[in-house]
């Protein structure tokens, strides 16, 4: 059974850093494209970063140079490191795994078929 469990969300001040974790079970994170989406209050969900087959794809210009994605095979966990956070980074962050593909190609467009975690709330405020 595929499970994704996010953790690490919370309240953080602008300019600070936060790391979200996505603990995976039922599969190996090495075998599928996996990454992060976010949804701000009142807005549509958007893709943030994906990692697949060792390659990373960034979908948001606003997080370039600030957010990174990584995976730790030994812990079967994917991380989202968020540096220099801005108030507009506030939202619910979801970990999602591609249903069949190991590649990030089509990761956002095919999100309707992904496996999803329950989400982690991130609030950026002073």
Protein backbone atom coordinates (compact mmCIF):
# COMPACT_ATOMS: atom_id res chain seq x y z
CA UNK A 1 0.00 0.00 0.00
CA UNK A 2 1.41 3.34 -1.06
CA UNK A 3 1.57 5.88 1.74
CA UNK A 4 3.04 9.35 1.89
CA UNK A 5 3.25 11.17 5.20
CA UNK A 6 4.37 14.79 5.33
CA UNK A 7 5.82 16.43 8.39
CA UNK A 8 7.74 19.54 9.35
CA UNK A 9 5.16 22.21 8.68
CA UNK A 10 4.44 25.06 11.02
CA UNK A 11 4.76 28.77 11.59
CA UNK A 12 7.95 30.40 10.37
CA UNK A 13 9.04 34.01 10.10
CA UNK A 14 9.89 35.61 6.76
CA UNK A 15 13.48 35.01 5.82
CA UNK A 16 13.81 31.87 7.88
CA UNK A 17 14.13 28.27 6.73
CA UNK A 18 11.97 25.19 7.02
CA UNK A 19 12.33 21.62 5.87
CA UNK A 20 9.37 19.43 5.01
CA UNK A 21 9.71 15.68 4.99
CA UNK A 22 7.72 13.12 3.05
CA UNK A 23 8.09 9.63 4.45
CA UNK A 24 7.16 7.06 1.85
CA UNK A 25 6.10 3.46 2.36
CA UNK A 26 4.93 0.71 0.07
CA UNK A 27 7.42 1.62 -2.65
CA UNK A 28 10.94 2.93 -3.17
CA UNK A 29 11.37 6.66 -3.74
CA UNK A 30 14.08 5.75 -6.26
CA UNK A 31 11.57 4.12 -8.54
CA UNK A 32 9.04 6.89 -9.19
CA UNK A 33 8.91 10.59 -9.83
CA UNK A 34 7.98 12.24 -6.55
CA UNK A 35 7.75 15.82 -5.45
CA UNK A 36 5.81 18.67 -3.94
CA UNK A 37 2.75 20.69 -4.75
CA UNK A 38 1.34 23.55 -2.75
CA UNK A 39 -1.98 25.29 -2.41
CA UNK A 40 -2.27 28.77 -1.00
CA UNK A 41 -5.53 29.88 0.61
CA UNK A 42 -8.05 30.68 -2.08
CA UNK A 43 -5.76 29.62 -4.90
CA UNK A 44 -5.33 26.60 -7.10
CA UNK A 45 -2.82 23.92 -6.35
CA UNK A 46 0.51 24.35 -8.13
CA UNK A 47 3.51 22.15 -8.70
CA UNK A 48 6.69 23.17 -6.90
CA UNK A 49 9.49 20.66 -7.43
CA UNK A 50 9.87 17.10 -8.65
CA UNK A 51 12.70 14.59 -8.43
CA UNK A 52 12.84 11.55 -10.64
CA UNK A 53 15.61 9.31 -11.90
CA UNK A 54 18.06 11.61 -10.16
CA UNK A 55 16.89 14.70 -12.03
CA UNK A 56 15.12 17.70 -10.55
CA UNK A 57 12.50 19.85 -12.21
CA UNK A 58 11.38 23.19 -10.82
CA UNK A 59 7.91 24.47 -11.72
CA UNK A 60 7.86 27.81 -9.90
CA UNK A 61 10.10 30.74 -10.75
CA UNK A 62 9.26 32.28 -7.39
CA UNK A 63 11.07 29.52 -5.48
CA UNK A 64 14.15 29.18 -7.68
CA UNK A 65 17.27 29.64 -5.61
CA UNK A 66 15.29 29.26 -2.38
CA UNK A 67 13.68 25.79 -2.41
CA UNK A 68 15.42 22.52 -3.06
CA UNK A 69 14.24 18.94 -3.23
CA UNK A 70 16.23 15.90 -2.22
CA UNK A 71 15.70 12.27 -1.41
CA UNK A 72 17.30 9.96 1.10
CA UNK A 73 17.01 6.40 -0.11
CA UNK A 74 18.04 4.85 3.20
CA UNK A 75 15.07 6.52 4.90
CA UNK A 76 12.83 6.32 1.83
CA UNK A 77 12.07 9.99 2.39
CA UNK A 78 11.89 13.06 0.20
CA UNK A 79 12.60 16.52 1.55
CA UNK A 80 11.67 20.04 0.59
CA UNK A 81 14.13 22.54 1.95
CA UNK A 82 12.66 26.02 2.01
CA UNK A 83 15.11 28.86 2.55
CA UNK A 84 14.39 32.57 2.85
CA UNK A 85 10.67 31.96 2.99
CA UNK A 86 8.25 34.69 1.97
CA UNK A 87 4.67 35.31 3.20
CA UNK A 88 3.43 34.19 -0.21
CA UNK A 89 4.91 30.75 0.47
CA UNK A 90 2.10 30.21 2.97
CA UNK A 91 -0.10 27.26 2.13
CA UNK A 92 -0.60 23.54 2.35
CA UNK A 93 2.25 21.54 0.91
CA UNK A 94 1.52 18.12 -0.49
CA UNK A 95 3.88 15.32 -1.34
CA UNK A 96 2.82 13.42 -4.43
CA UNK A 97 4.11 10.41 -6.31
CA UNK A 98 3.61 9.71 -9.95
CA UNK A 99 1.51 6.63 -10.41
CA UNK A 100 3.79 4.85 -12.85
CA UNK A 101 6.54 7.07 -14.21
CA UNK A 102 10.06 7.38 -12.81
CA UNK A 103 10.50 10.67 -14.66
CA UNK A 104 9.31 14.19 -13.88
CA UNK A 105 8.11 14.69 -17.43
CA UNK A 106 4.37 15.24 -17.17
CA UNK A 107 4.51 15.37 -13.37
CA UNK A 108 2.23 18.38 -13.06
CA UNK A 109 -0.06 17.67 -16.01
CA UNK A 110 -0.68 14.11 -14.77
CA UNK A 111 -1.24 15.09 -11.15
CA UNK A 112 -4.79 13.76 -11.23
CA UNK A 113 -3.46 10.22 -11.10
CA UNK A 114 -0.81 10.75 -8.43
CA UNK A 115 -0.68 9.28 -4.97
CA UNK A 116 -0.96 12.07 -2.39
CA UNK A 117 -0.04 12.72 1.18
CA UNK A 118 -2.34 14.46 3.60
CA UNK A 119 -0.52 17.78 3.41
CA UNK A 120 1.55 19.93 5.72
CA UNK A 121 0.53 23.45 6.66
CA UNK A 122 3.13 26.17 6.31
CA UNK A 123 2.47 29.67 7.55
CA UNK A 124 4.98 32.42 6.93
CA UNK A 125 4.29 35.40 9.15
CA UNK A 126 6.14 37.72 11.49
